[in-house]
Every structure is written in C-alpha cells, then in structure tokens.
PDB file of N, CA and C in Angstrom:
ATOM      1  N   MET A   1     -11.583   9.206  -3.051  1.00  0.00           N
ATOM      2  CA  MET A   1     -11.973   8.049  -3.427  1.00  0.00           C
ATOM      3  C   MET A   1     -11.909   6.785  -2.400  1.00  0.00           C
ATOM      4  N   PRO A   2     -12.507   5.929  -1.755  1.00  0.00           N
ATOM      5  CA  PRO A   2     -12.574   5.282  -0.458  1.00  0.00           C
ATOM      6  C   PRO A   2     -11.342   4.084  -0.843  1.00  0.00           C
ATOM      7  N   PHE A   3     -10.912   4.092   0.242  1.00  0.00           N
ATOM      8  CA  PHE A   3     -10.006   3.018  -0.282  1.00  0.00           C
ATOM      9  C   PHE A   3      -9.972   1.461   0.531  1.00  0.00           C
ATOM     10  N   GLY A   4     -11.567   1.027   0.635  1.00  0.00           N
ATOM     11  CA  GLY A   4     -12.013   0.254   0.323  1.00  0.00           C
ATOM     12  C   GLY A   4     -12.704  -0.837  -0.788  1.00  0.00           C
ATOM     13  N   SER A   5     -12.359   0.818  -1.457  1.00  0.00           N
ATOM     14  CA  SER A   5     -12.880   0.266  -3.122  1.00  0.00           C
ATOM     15  C   SER A   5     -12.183  -0.050  -4.212  1.00  0.00           C
ATOM     16  N   VAL A   6     -11.127   0.131  -3.198  1.00  0.00           N
ATOM     17  CA  VAL A   6      -9.692  -0.097  -4.195  1.00  0.00           C
ATOM     18  C   VAL A   6      -9.249  -1.289  -3.498  1.00  0.00           C
ATOM     19  N   TYR A   7      -9.325  -1.924  -2.455  1.00  0.00           N
ATOM     20  CA  TYR A   7      -8.895  -2.939  -1.551  1.00  0.00           C
ATOM     21  C   TYR A   7      -8.707  -4.635  -1.750  1.00  0.00           C
ATOM     22  N   PRO A   8      -9.808  -4.660  -2.895  1.00  0.00           N
ATOM     23  CA  PRO A   8     -10.263  -5.791  -3.092  1.00  0.00           C
ATOM     24  C   PRO A   8      -9.362  -5.919  -4.488  1.00  0.00           C
ATOM     25  N   HIS A   9      -8.951  -4.683  -5.376  1.00  0.00           N
ATOM     26  CA  HIS A   9      -8.025  -5.292  -6.754  1.00  0.00           C
ATOM     27  C   HIS A   9      -7.205  -5.145  -5.875  1.00  0.00           C
ATOM     28  N   TYR A  10      -6.364  -4.821  -4.664  1.00  0.00           N
ATOM     29  CA  TYR A  10      -5.229  -5.301  -3.898  1.00  0.00           C
ATOM     30  C   TYR A  10      -5.154  -6.826  -3.935  1.00  0.00           C
ATOM     31  N   VAL A  11      -6.556  -7.038  -3.638  1.00  0.00           N
ATOM     32  CA  VAL A  11      -6.302  -8.885  -3.082  1.00  0.00           C
ATOM     33  C   VAL A  11      -6.346  -9.813  -4.461  1.00  0.00           C
ATOM     34  N   THR A  12      -6.871  -9.447  -5.479  1.00  0.00           N
ATOM     35  CA  THR A  12      -6.976 -10.355  -6.012  1.00  0.00           C
ATOM     36  C   THR A  12      -5.491  -9.860  -7.442  1.00  0.00           C
ATOM     37  N   LYS A  13      -5.105  -9.125  -6.729  1.00  0.00           N
ATOM     38  CA  LYS A  13      -4.322  -8.740  -8.258  1.00  0.00           C
ATOM     39  C   LYS A  13      -2.843  -9.732  -7.173  1.00  0.00           C
ATOM     40  N   VAL A  14      -2.792  -9.769  -5.853  1.00  0.00           N
ATOM     41  CA  VAL A  14      -1.701 -10.077  -4.950  1.00  0.00           C
ATOM     42  C   VAL A  14      -2.053 -12.007  -5.462  1.00  0.00           C
ATOM     43  N   GLU A  15      -3.074 -12.592  -5.127  1.00  0.00           N
ATOM     44  CA  GLU A  15      -3.981 -13.334  -5.425  1.00  0.00           C
ATOM     45  C   GLU A  15      -3.221 -14.414  -6.860  1.00  0.00           C
ATOM     46  N   LYS A  16      -4.307 -13.371  -7.256  1.00  0.00           N
ATOM     47  CA  LYS A  16      -3.274 -13.924  -8.536  1.00  0.00           C
ATOM     48  C   LYS A  16      -2.275 -14.783  -8.872  1.00  0.00           C
ATOM     49  N   LYS A  17      -1.606 -13.680  -7.944  1.00  0.00           N
ATOM     50  CA  LYS A  17      -0.086 -13.965  -8.413  1.00  0.00           C
ATOM     51  C   LYS A  17       0.926 -15.267  -7.358  1.00  0.00           C
ATOM     52  N   GLY A  18       0.038 -15.757  -6.672  1.00  0.00           N
ATOM     53  CA  GLY A  18       0.422 -16.691  -5.701  1.00  0.00           C
ATOM     54  C   GLY A  18       1.067 -15.897  -4.055  1.00  0.00           C
ATOM     55  N   ARG A  19       0.054 -14.748  -3.460  1.00  0.00           N
ATOM     56  CA  ARG A  19       0.571 -14.140  -2.666  1.00  0.00           C
ATOM     57  C   ARG A  19      -0.898 -14.453  -2.275  1.00  0.00           C
ATOM     58  N   THR A  20      -0.310 -13.544  -0.763  1.00  0.00           N
ATOM     59  CA  THR A  20      -1.530 -14.285   0.060  1.00  0.00           C
ATOM     60  C   THR A  20      -1.938 -12.977   1.062  1.00  0.00           C
ATOM     61  N   THR A  21      -3.507 -12.914   1.059  1.00  0.00           N
ATOM     62  CA  THR A  21      -3.657 -11.805   1.935  1.00  0.00           C
ATOM     63  C   THR A  21      -2.981 -11.068   3.013  1.00  0.00           C
ATOM     64  N   ALA A  22      -2.922 -12.102   3.785  1.00  0.00           N
ATOM     65  CA  ALA A  22      -1.646 -12.177   5.092  1.00  0.00           C
ATOM     66  C   ALA A  22      -0.809 -11.427   4.619  1.00  0.00           C
ATOM     67  N   GLU A  23       0.120 -11.696   3.437  1.00  0.00           N
ATOM     68  CA  GLU A  23       1.016 -10.874   3.090  1.00  0.00           C
ATOM     69  C   GLU A  23       1.264  -9.205   2.365  1.00  0.00           C
ATOM     70  N   LEU A  24       0.035  -8.913   1.926  1.00  0.00           N
ATOM     71  CA  LEU A  24      -0.908  -8.211   1.649  1.00  0.00           C
ATOM     72  C   LEU A  24      -1.018  -6.887   2.538  1.00  0.00           C
ATOM     73  N   HIS A  25      -1.947  -7.601   3.774  1.00  0.00           N
ATOM     74  CA  HIS A  25      -2.122  -7.068   4.802  1.00  0.00           C
ATOM     75  C   HIS A  25      -0.287  -7.050   5.642  1.00  0.00           C
ATOM     76  N   GLN A  26       0.535  -7.606   5.787  1.00  0.00           N
ATOM     77  CA  GLN A  26       2.189  -7.059   5.985  1.00  0.00           C
ATOM     78  C   GLN A  26       2.752  -5.502   5.167  1.00  0.00           C
ATOM     79  N   VAL A  27       2.159  -5.975   4.246  1.00  0.00           N
ATOM     80  CA  VAL A  27       3.024  -4.146   3.056  1.00  0.00           C
ATOM     81  C   VAL A  27       1.968  -3.482   3.482  1.00  0.00           C
ATOM     82  N   ILE A  28       0.877  -3.723   4.243  1.00  0.00           N
ATOM     83  CA  ILE A  28      -0.338  -2.165   4.523  1.00  0.00           C
ATOM     84  C   ILE A  28       0.689  -1.719   6.049  1.00  0.00           C
ATOM     85  N   THR A  29       0.418  -2.650   6.787  1.00  0.00           N
ATOM     86  CA  THR A  29       1.194  -2.467   7.614  1.00  0.00           C
ATOM     87  C   THR A  29       2.541  -2.103   7.588  1.00  0.00           C
ATOM     88  N   TRP A  30       3.310  -2.533   7.238  1.00  0.00           N
ATOM     89  CA  TRP A  30       4.684  -1.497   7.699  1.00  0.00           C
ATOM     90  C   TRP A  30       4.522  -0.378   6.682  1.00  0.00           C
ATOM     91  N   LEU A  31       3.810   0.010   6.053  1.00  0.00           N
ATOM     92  CA  LEU A  31       3.386   1.432   5.219  1.00  0.00           C
ATOM     93  C   LEU A  31       3.164   1.955   6.506  1.00  0.00           C
ATOM     94  N   THR A  32       1.565   1.772   6.964  1.00  0.00           N
ATOM     95  CA  THR A  32       0.658   3.015   7.670  1.00  0.00           C
ATOM     96  C   THR A  32       0.493   2.598   9.173  1.00  0.00           C
ATOM     97  N   GLY A  33       1.718   1.341   9.480  1.00  0.00           N
ATOM     98  CA  GLY A  33       1.547   1.307  11.259  1.00  0.00           C
ATOM     99  C   GLY A  33       0.057   0.196  11.331  1.00  0.00           C
ATOM    100  N   PHE A  34      -1.040   0.394  10.347  1.00  0.00           N
ATOM    101  CA  PHE A  34      -2.324  -0.174  10.791  1.00  0.00           C
ATOM    102  C   PHE A  34      -1.929  -1.134  10.744  1.00  0.00           C
ATOM    103  N   ASP A  35      -2.368  -2.162  12.013  1.00  0.00           N
ATOM    104  CA  ASP A  35      -2.912  -3.752  12.120  1.00  0.00           C
ATOM    105  C   ASP A  35      -4.257  -4.236  11.105  1.00  0.00           C
ATOM    106  N   ASP A  36      -4.524  -5.916  11.125  1.00  0.00           N
ATOM    107  CA  ASP A  36      -5.571  -6.385   9.960  1.00  0.00           C
ATOM    108  C   ASP A  36      -6.788  -5.227  10.884  1.00  0.00           C
ATOM    109  N   GLU A  37      -7.103  -5.662  12.258  1.00  0.00           N
ATOM    110  CA  GLU A  37      -8.183  -4.958  12.967  1.00  0.00           C
ATOM    111  C   GLU A  37      -8.689  -3.534  12.516  1.00  0.00           C
ATOM    112  N   ALA A  38      -7.669  -1.988  12.191  1.00  0.00           N
ATOM    113  CA  ALA A  38      -7.962  -1.279  11.409  1.00  0.00           C
ATOM    114  C   ALA A  38      -8.048  -0.918  10.348  1.00  0.00           C
ATOM    115  N   ILE A  39      -7.377  -2.279   9.550  1.00  0.00           N
ATOM    116  CA  ILE A  39      -6.906  -2.204   7.828  1.00  0.00           C
ATOM    117  C   ILE A  39      -8.415  -2.570   8.597  1.00  0.00           C
ATOM    118  N   ALA A  40      -9.674  -3.307   8.590  1.00  0.00           N
ATOM    119  CA  ALA A  40     -10.819  -4.031   8.435  1.00  0.00           C
ATOM    120  C   ALA A  40     -11.956  -3.059   8.175  1.00  0.00           C
ATOM    121  N   ARG A  41     -11.610  -1.780   9.471  1.00  0.00           N
ATOM    122  CA  ARG A  41     -12.428  -0.923  10.004  1.00  0.00           C
ATOM    123  C   ARG A  41     -12.277   0.009   8.854  1.00  0.00           C
ATOM    124  N   HIS A  42     -11.191   0.618   8.530  1.00  0.00           N
ATOM    125  CA  HIS A  42     -11.298   1.678   7.277  1.00  0.00           C
ATOM    126  C   HIS A  42     -11.776   1.141   6.439  1.00  0.00           C
ATOM    127  N   ILE A  43     -11.517  -0.145   5.728  1.00  0.00           N
ATOM    128  CA  ILE A  43     -12.461  -0.445   4.525  1.00  0.00           C
ATOM    129  C   ILE A  43     -14.377  -0.470   4.822  1.00  0.00           C
ATOM    130  N   ASP A  44     -14.813  -1.188   6.294  1.00  0.00           N
ATOM    131  CA  ASP A  44     -15.459  -0.906   6.477  1.00  0.00           C
ATOM    132  C   ASP A  44     -16.559   0.533   6.990  1.00  0.00           C
ATOM    133  N   VAL A  45     -16.044   1.609   7.121  1.00  0.00           N
ATOM    134  CA  VAL A  45     -16.795   3.127   7.192  1.00  0.00           C
ATOM    135  C   VAL A  45     -16.366   3.522   6.252  1.00  0.00           C
ATOM    136  N   GLY A  46     -15.570   3.051   5.158  1.00  0.00           N
ATOM    137  CA  GLY A  46     -15.667   3.913   3.919  1.00  0.00           C
ATOM    138  C   GLY A  46     -14.611   5.070   3.709  1.00  0.00           C
ATOM    139  N   THR A  47     -13.502   4.583   4.194  1.00  0.00           N
ATOM    140  CA  THR A  47     -12.500   5.906   5.050  1.00  0.00           C
ATOM    141  C   THR A  47     -11.800   6.595   3.270  1.00  0.00           C
ATOM    142  N   SER A  48     -11.466   7.522   2.966  1.00  0.00           N
ATOM    143  CA  SER A  48     -11.299   7.974   2.146  1.00  0.00           C
ATOM    144  C   SER A  48      -9.884   7.317   2.013  1.00  0.00           C
ATOM    145  N   PHE A  49      -8.707   7.120   0.816  1.00  0.00           N
ATOM    146  CA  PHE A  49      -7.301   7.428   0.810  1.00  0.00           C
ATOM    147  C   PHE A  49      -6.653   8.522   1.296  1.00  0.00           C
ATOM    148  N   GLU A  50      -7.327  10.342   1.857  1.00  0.00           N
ATOM    149  CA  GLU A  50      -7.300  11.319   2.043  1.00  0.00           C
ATOM    150  C   GLU A  50      -6.852  11.068   3.856  1.00  0.00           C
ATOM    151  N   GLU A  51      -8.355  10.579   4.469  1.00  0.00           N
ATOM    152  CA  GLU A  51      -8.144   9.856   6.267  1.00  0.00           C
ATOM    153  C   GLU A  51      -7.450   9.220   6.098  1.00  0.00           C
ATOM    154  N   PHE A  52      -7.400   7.634   5.409  1.00  0.00           N
ATOM    155  CA  PHE A  52      -6.761   6.667   5.714  1.00  0.00           C
ATOM    156  C   PHE A  52      -5.428   7.123   6.250  1.00  0.00           C
ATOM    157  N   PHE A  53      -4.461   7.660   4.932  1.00  0.00           N
ATOM    158  CA  PHE A  53      -3.656   8.514   5.526  1.00  0.00           C
ATOM    159  C   PHE A  53      -2.655   9.732   6.220  1.00  0.00           C
ATOM    160  N   ALA A  54      -4.319  10.440   6.375  1.00  0.00           N
ATOM    161  CA  ALA A  54      -3.793  11.279   7.378  1.00  0.00           C
ATOM    162  C   ALA A  54      -3.705  10.373   8.752  1.00  0.00           C
ATOM    163  N   ALA A  55      -4.354   9.090   8.986  1.00  0.00           N
ATOM    164  CA  ALA A  55      -4.690   8.202  10.058  1.00  0.00           C
ATOM    165  C   ALA A  55      -3.643   7.702  10.945  1.00  0.00           C
ATOM    166  N   ALA A  56      -2.564   7.666   9.090  1.00  0.00           N
ATOM    167  CA  ALA A  56      -1.557   6.766  10.029  1.00  0.00           C
ATOM    168  C   ALA A  56      -0.174   6.713  10.256  1.00  0.00           C
ATOM    169  N   ASP A  57       0.596   6.205  10.490  1.00  0.00           N
ATOM    170  CA  ASP A  57       1.861   6.369  10.906  1.00  0.00           C
ATOM    171  C   ASP A  57       2.803   6.113   9.946  1.00  0.00           C
ATOM    172  N   LEU A  58       3.147   6.576   9.316  1.00  0.00           N
ATOM    173  CA  LEU A  58       3.340   6.210   7.391  1.00  0.00           C
ATOM    174  C   LEU A  58       5.508   6.495   8.210  1.00  0.00           C
ATOM    175  N   ASN A  59       5.760   4.522   7.802  1.00  0.00           N
ATOM    176  CA  ASN A  59       6.583   4.731   8.099  1.00  0.00           C
ATOM    177  C   ASN A  59       8.146   5.092   7.794  1.00  0.00           C
ATOM    178  N   PRO A  60       8.782   5.202   8.082  1.00  0.00           N
ATOM    179  CA  PRO A  60       9.759   6.294   8.336  1.00  0.00           C
ATOM    180  C   PRO A  60      10.759   5.644   6.908  1.00  0.00           C
ATOM    181  N   ALA A  61      11.142   4.861   6.513  1.00  0.00           N
ATOM    182  CA  ALA A  61      11.647   4.108   5.331  1.00  0.00           C
ATOM    183  C   ALA A  61      10.797   4.356   3.757  1.00  0.00           C
ATOM    184  N   SER A  62       9.528   5.035   4.398  1.00  0.00           N
ATOM    185  CA  SER A  62       8.581   4.901   3.303  1.00  0.00           C
ATOM    186  C   SER A  62       9.097   5.936   1.854  1.00  0.00           C
ATOM    187  N   ASP A  63       9.980   6.596   2.263  1.00  0.00           N
ATOM    188  CA  ASP A  63      11.405   7.526   1.143  1.00  0.00           C
ATOM    189  C   ASP A  63      12.083   6.582   0.475  1.00  0.00           C
ATOM    190  N   LEU A  64      12.084   5.789   0.892  1.00  0.00           N
ATOM    191  CA  LEU A  64      13.039   4.484   0.389  1.00  0.00           C
ATOM    192  C   LEU A  64      12.493   3.857  -1.151  1.00  0.00           C
ATOM    193  N   ILE A  65      10.909   3.974  -1.306  1.00  0.00           N
ATOM    194  CA  ILE A  65       9.768   3.784  -2.260  1.00  0.00           C
ATOM    195  C   ILE A  65      10.541   3.970  -3.534  1.00  0.00           C
ATOM    196  N   THR A  66      11.174   4.296  -4.469  1.00  0.00           N
ATOM    197  CA  THR A  66      11.539   4.487  -5.796  1.00  0.00           C
ATOM    198  C   THR A  66      10.394   3.847  -7.262  1.00  0.00           C
ATOM    199  N   GLY A  67      10.938   4.078  -7.855  1.00  0.00           N
ATOM    200  CA  GLY A  67      10.150   3.456  -9.427  1.00  0.00           C
ATOM    201  C   GLY A  67       8.735   4.413  -9.566  1.00  0.00           C
ATOM    202  N   VAL A  68       8.550   3.459 -11.058  1.00  0.00           N
ATOM    203  CA  VAL A  68       7.308   4.197 -11.583  1.00  0.00           C
ATOM    204  C   VAL A  68       6.047   3.204 -11.194  1.00  0.00           C
ATOM    205  N   VAL A  69       5.164   3.639 -11.154  1.00  0.00           N
ATOM    206  CA  VAL A  69       3.954   3.052 -11.447  1.00  0.00           C
ATOM    207  C   VAL A  69       2.840   4.236 -11.780  1.00  0.00           C
ATOM    208  N   CYS A  70       1.903   3.529 -13.064  1.00  0.00           N
ATOM    209  CA  CYS A  70       0.855   4.056 -13.881  1.00  0.00           C
ATOM    210  C   CYS A  70       2.438   5.388 -14.546  1.00  0.00           C
ATOM    211  N   GLY A  71       3.872   5.055 -14.883  1.00  0.00           N
ATOM    212  CA  GLY A  71       4.200   5.766 -15.866  1.00  0.00           C
ATOM    213  C   GLY A  71       4.652   7.010 -15.733  1.00  0.00           C
ATOM    214  N   VAL A  72       4.604   7.209 -13.766  1.00  0.00           N
ATOM    215  CA  VAL A  72       5.056   8.083 -13.015  1.00  0.00           C
ATOM    216  C   VAL A  72       5.769   8.238 -12.004  1.00  0.00           C
ATOM    217  N   ARG A  73       7.309   8.633 -11.405  1.00  0.00           N
ATOM    218  CA  ARG A  73       8.038   7.872 -11.118  1.00  0.00           C
ATOM    219  C   ARG A  73       6.915   7.981 -10.095  1.00  0.00           C
ATOM    220  N   VAL A  74       7.766   7.871  -8.576  1.00  0.00           N
ATOM    221  CA  VAL A  74       6.731   7.832  -7.651  1.00  0.00           C
ATOM    222  C   VAL A  74       7.218   8.998  -6.346  1.00  0.00           C
ATOM    223  N   GLN A  75       8.709   8.730  -6.637  1.00  0.00           N
ATOM    224  CA  GLN A  75       9.912   9.739  -5.548  1.00  0.00           C
ATOM    225  C   GLN A  75       8.975  11.446  -6.589  1.00  0.00           C
ATOM    226  N   GLU A  76       8.818  11.960  -7.305  1.00  0.00           N
ATOM    227  CA  GLU A  76       8.675  13.419  -8.257  1.00  0.00           C
ATOM    228  C   GLU A  76       7.534  13.351  -8.107  1.00  0.00           C
ATOM    229  N   ILE A  77       6.049  12.282  -7.264  1.00  0.00           N
ATOM    230  CA  ILE A  77       5.249  13.218  -7.034  1.00  0.00           C
ATOM    231  C   ILE A  77       4.915  13.980  -6.147  1.00  0.00           C
ATOM    232  N   GLU A  78       4.224  14.997  -6.372  1.00  0.00           N
ATOM    233  CA  GLU A  78       4.430  16.150  -4.885  1.00  0.00           C
ATOM    234  C   GLU A  78       3.350  16.411  -4.207  1.00  0.00           C
ATOM    235  N   ASP A  79       2.272  15.793  -4.337  1.00  0.00           N
ATOM    236  CA  ASP A  79       1.012  15.574  -3.937  1.00  0.00           C
ATOM    237  C   ASP A  79       1.173  14.829  -2.914  1.00  0.00           C
ATOM    238  N   PRO A  80       1.502  15.135  -1.625  1.00  0.00           N
ATOM    239  CA  PRO A  80       1.451  13.886  -0.278  1.00  0.00           C
ATOM    240  C   PRO A  80       0.997  12.998  -0.142  1.00  0.00           C
ATOM    241  N   VAL A  81      -0.483  12.936  -0.228  1.00  0.00           N
ATOM    242  CA  VAL A  81      -1.642  11.909  -0.371  1.00  0.00           C
ATOM    243  C   VAL A  81      -1.675  11.277  -1.378  1.00  0.00           C
ATOM    244  N   MET A  82      -1.350  11.977  -2.758  1.00  0.00           N
ATOM    245  CA  MET A  82      -1.540  10.576  -4.099  1.00  0.00           C
ATOM    246  C   MET A  82      -0.111  10.204  -3.943  1.00  0.00           C
ATOM    247  N   ARG A  83       1.426  10.746  -3.655  1.00  0.00           N
ATOM    248  CA  ARG A  83       2.585   9.636  -3.356  1.00  0.00           C
ATOM    249  C   ARG A  83       2.539   8.601  -2.257  1.00  0.00           C
ATOM    250  N   GLN A  84       2.028   9.463  -1.383  1.00  0.00           N
ATOM    251  CA  GLN A  84       1.381   7.878  -0.194  1.00  0.00           C
ATOM    252  C   GLN A  84       0.568   6.877  -0.856  1.00  0.00           C
ATOM    253  N   VAL A  85      -0.351   7.799  -2.122  1.00  0.00           N
ATOM    254  CA  VAL A  85      -1.207   6.482  -2.686  1.00  0.00           C
ATOM    255  C   VAL A  85      -0.566   5.571  -3.529  1.00  0.00           C
ATOM    256  N   ARG A  86       0.357   6.228  -3.935  1.00  0.00           N
ATOM    257  CA  ARG A  86       1.386   5.299  -5.078  1.00  0.00           C
ATOM    258  C   ARG A  86       2.714   4.465  -4.773  1.00  0.00           C
ATOM    259  N   TYR A  87       2.956   5.159  -3.298  1.00  0.00           N
ATOM    260  CA  TYR A  87       3.843   4.471  -2.649  1.00  0.00           C
ATOM    261  C   TYR A  87       3.393   2.273  -2.207  1.00  0.00           C
ATOM    262  N   LEU A  88       1.669   2.493  -1.988  1.00  0.00           N
ATOM    263  CA  LEU A  88       1.144   1.693  -1.752  1.00  0.00           C
ATOM    264  C   LEU A  88       1.345   0.422  -2.819  1.00  0.00           C
ATOM    265  N   ASP A  89       0.708   1.758  -4.433  1.00  0.00           N
ATOM    266  CA  ASP A  89       0.505   0.447  -5.395  1.00  0.00           C
ATOM    267  C   ASP A  89       1.948   0.428  -5.309  1.00  0.00           C
ATOM    268  N   LYS A  90       3.392   0.700  -5.363  1.00  0.00           N
ATOM    269  CA  LYS A  90       4.524  -0.051  -5.829  1.00  0.00           C
ATOM    270  C   LYS A  90       4.745  -0.672  -5.196  1.00  0.00           C
ATOM    271  N   LEU A  91       4.155  -0.849  -3.411  1.00  0.00           N
ATOM    272  CA  LEU A  91       4.496  -2.097  -2.696  1.00  0.00           C
ATOM    273  C   LEU A  91       3.408  -3.314  -3.196  1.00  0.00           C
ATOM    274  N   VAL A  92       2.292  -3.021  -3.195  1.00  0.00           N
ATOM    275  CA  VAL A  92       1.663  -3.672  -4.075  1.00  0.00           C
ATOM    276  C   VAL A  92       1.899  -4.488  -5.137  1.00  0.00           C
ATOM    277  N   ASP A  93       2.271  -3.606  -6.206  1.00  0.00           N
ATOM    278  CA  ASP A  93       3.175  -4.653  -7.505  1.00  0.00           C
ATOM    279  C   ASP A  93       3.737  -5.195  -7.407  1.00  0.00           C
ATOM    280  N   GLU A  94       5.284  -4.985  -5.945  1.00  0.00           N
ATOM    281  CA  GLU A  94       6.223  -5.550  -6.206  1.00  0.00           C
ATOM    282  C   GLU A  94       5.992  -6.544  -5.588  1.00  0.00           C
ATOM    283  N   LEU A  95       5.415  -6.773  -4.474  1.00  0.00           N
ATOM    284  CA  LEU A  95       4.248  -7.924  -3.925  1.00  0.00           C
ATOM    285  C   LEU A  95       4.156  -9.089  -5.014  1.00  0.00           C
ATOM    286  N   ALA A  96       3.146  -9.009  -6.256  1.00  0.00           N
ATOM    287  CA  ALA A  96       2.548  -9.523  -7.083  1.00  0.00           C
ATOM    288  C   ALA A  96       3.659 -10.175  -7.800  1.00  0.00           C
ATOM    289  N   LYS A  97       5.053  -8.883  -8.091  1.00  0.00           N
ATOM    290  CA  LYS A  97       5.838  -9.816  -9.435  1.00  0.00           C
ATOM    291  C   LYS A  97       6.780 -10.717  -8.441  1.00  0.00           C
ATOM    292  N   GLY A  98       6.086 -10.632  -7.420  1.00  0.00           N
ATOM    293  CA  GLY A  98       7.622 -11.911  -6.619  1.00  0.00           C
ATOM    294  C   GLY A  98       8.371 -11.505  -5.926  1.00  0.00           C
ATOM    295  N   LYS A  99       8.463 -10.082  -5.794  1.00  0.00           N
ATOM    296  CA  LYS A  99       9.755 -10.415  -4.807  1.00  0.00           C
ATOM    297  C   LYS A  99       9.747 -10.311  -3.376  1.00  0.00           C
ATOM    298  N   ALA A 100      10.659 -10.742  -2.851  1.00  0.00           N
ATOM    299  CA  ALA A 100      11.560 -11.213  -1.760  1.00  0.00           C
ATOM    300  C   ALA A 100      10.351 -10.391  -0.430  1.00  0.00           C
ATOM    301  N   MET A 101      10.114 -10.168   0.758  1.00  0.00           N
ATOM    302  CA  MET A 101       9.338  -9.744   1.651  1.00  0.00           C
ATOM    303  C   MET A 101      10.751  -8.692   1.706  1.00  0.00           C
ATOM    304  N   GLU A 102      11.223  -9.024   2.111  1.00  0.00           N
ATOM    305  CA  GLU A 102      12.641  -8.490   2.999  1.00  0.00           C
ATOM    306  C   GLU A 102      13.362  -6.672   1.996  1.00  0.00           C
ATOM    307  N   LYS A 103      12.925  -7.197   0.792  1.00  0.00           N
ATOM    308  CA  LYS A 103      13.578  -6.207  -0.633  1.00  0.00           C
ATOM    309  C   LYS A 103      12.204  -5.620  -0.252  1.00  0.00           C
ATOM    310  N   ILE A 104      10.916  -6.183  -0.645  1.00  0.00           N
ATOM    311  CA  ILE A 104       9.262  -4.915  -0.349  1.00  0.00           C
ATOM    312  C   ILE A 104       9.595  -3.995   0.893  1.00  0.00           C
ATOM    313  N   LEU A 105       9.702  -4.786   2.247  1.00  0.00           N
ATOM    314  CA  LEU A 105      10.225  -4.022   2.864  1.00  0.00           C
ATOM    315  C   LEU A 105      11.111  -2.843   3.954  1.00  0.00           C
ATOM    316  N   ARG A 106      11.973  -3.232   2.334  1.00  0.00           N
ATOM    317  CA  ARG A 106      13.055  -2.097   2.630  1.00  0.00           C
ATOM    318  C   ARG A 106      13.827  -2.234   4.139  1.00  0.00           C
ATOM    319  N   ALA A 107      14.056  -3.579   4.009  1.00  0.00           N
ATOM    320  CA  ALA A 107      14.742  -4.195   5.364  1.00  0.00           C
ATOM    321  C   ALA A 107      16.422  -4.032   4.737  1.00  0.00           C
TER     322      ALA A 107
END
C-alpha cells in the first residue's frame, strides 16, 4: 500500500481534531528522519510503506512506542514493516487525541 494513499487520512484525522499538518510532519520526521521535502517526494512517487520505512532512519526511541492500534499491541507485532506502520498510526492517534508533543515524541 502506498504511503501517499494513507497520508491524506492522517491529515484529515489530525486537522479534524484541531492539530496541524506541520505537527503531523513533525511526528513523521521524528519517527523516520524525513524532512518535509522527502515526505512530499514519497507521496508524489507512490512509495510503498515497505519502501518508505526501508529508506527511513528510524528513531532509536521508537521502541518506546507502546499501546494498542486496531486492537493489536504495537510492541507485539513481529513483522518489522507492519510494526513501523503501526508506530506511525499510534503517533498520529496520539497527536489527534491532543497529547502534548513532548509526550508523543517520547522526550
């Protein structure tokens, strides 16, 4: 599944809850190391989630992301790509729920 097909849903989710696209990008950047330009490029070229995370410089603190997404504990997901996708989903959920950025970014 292309990252670009899910990205608009992330934007809609966070904006509906009063957060901004800039905050969404801050979360994506924290997790992947991609800047705004790289994020846009991945969206434009139709990068799959597998390619997206293969190219990412995953934040070492991403292991601190725990909790449930879609009824599954993210820390228990064995497939590395699916776990990384769920990490991103969890961060977006926390952003949409109004959590402080410091807590979302595990600072």
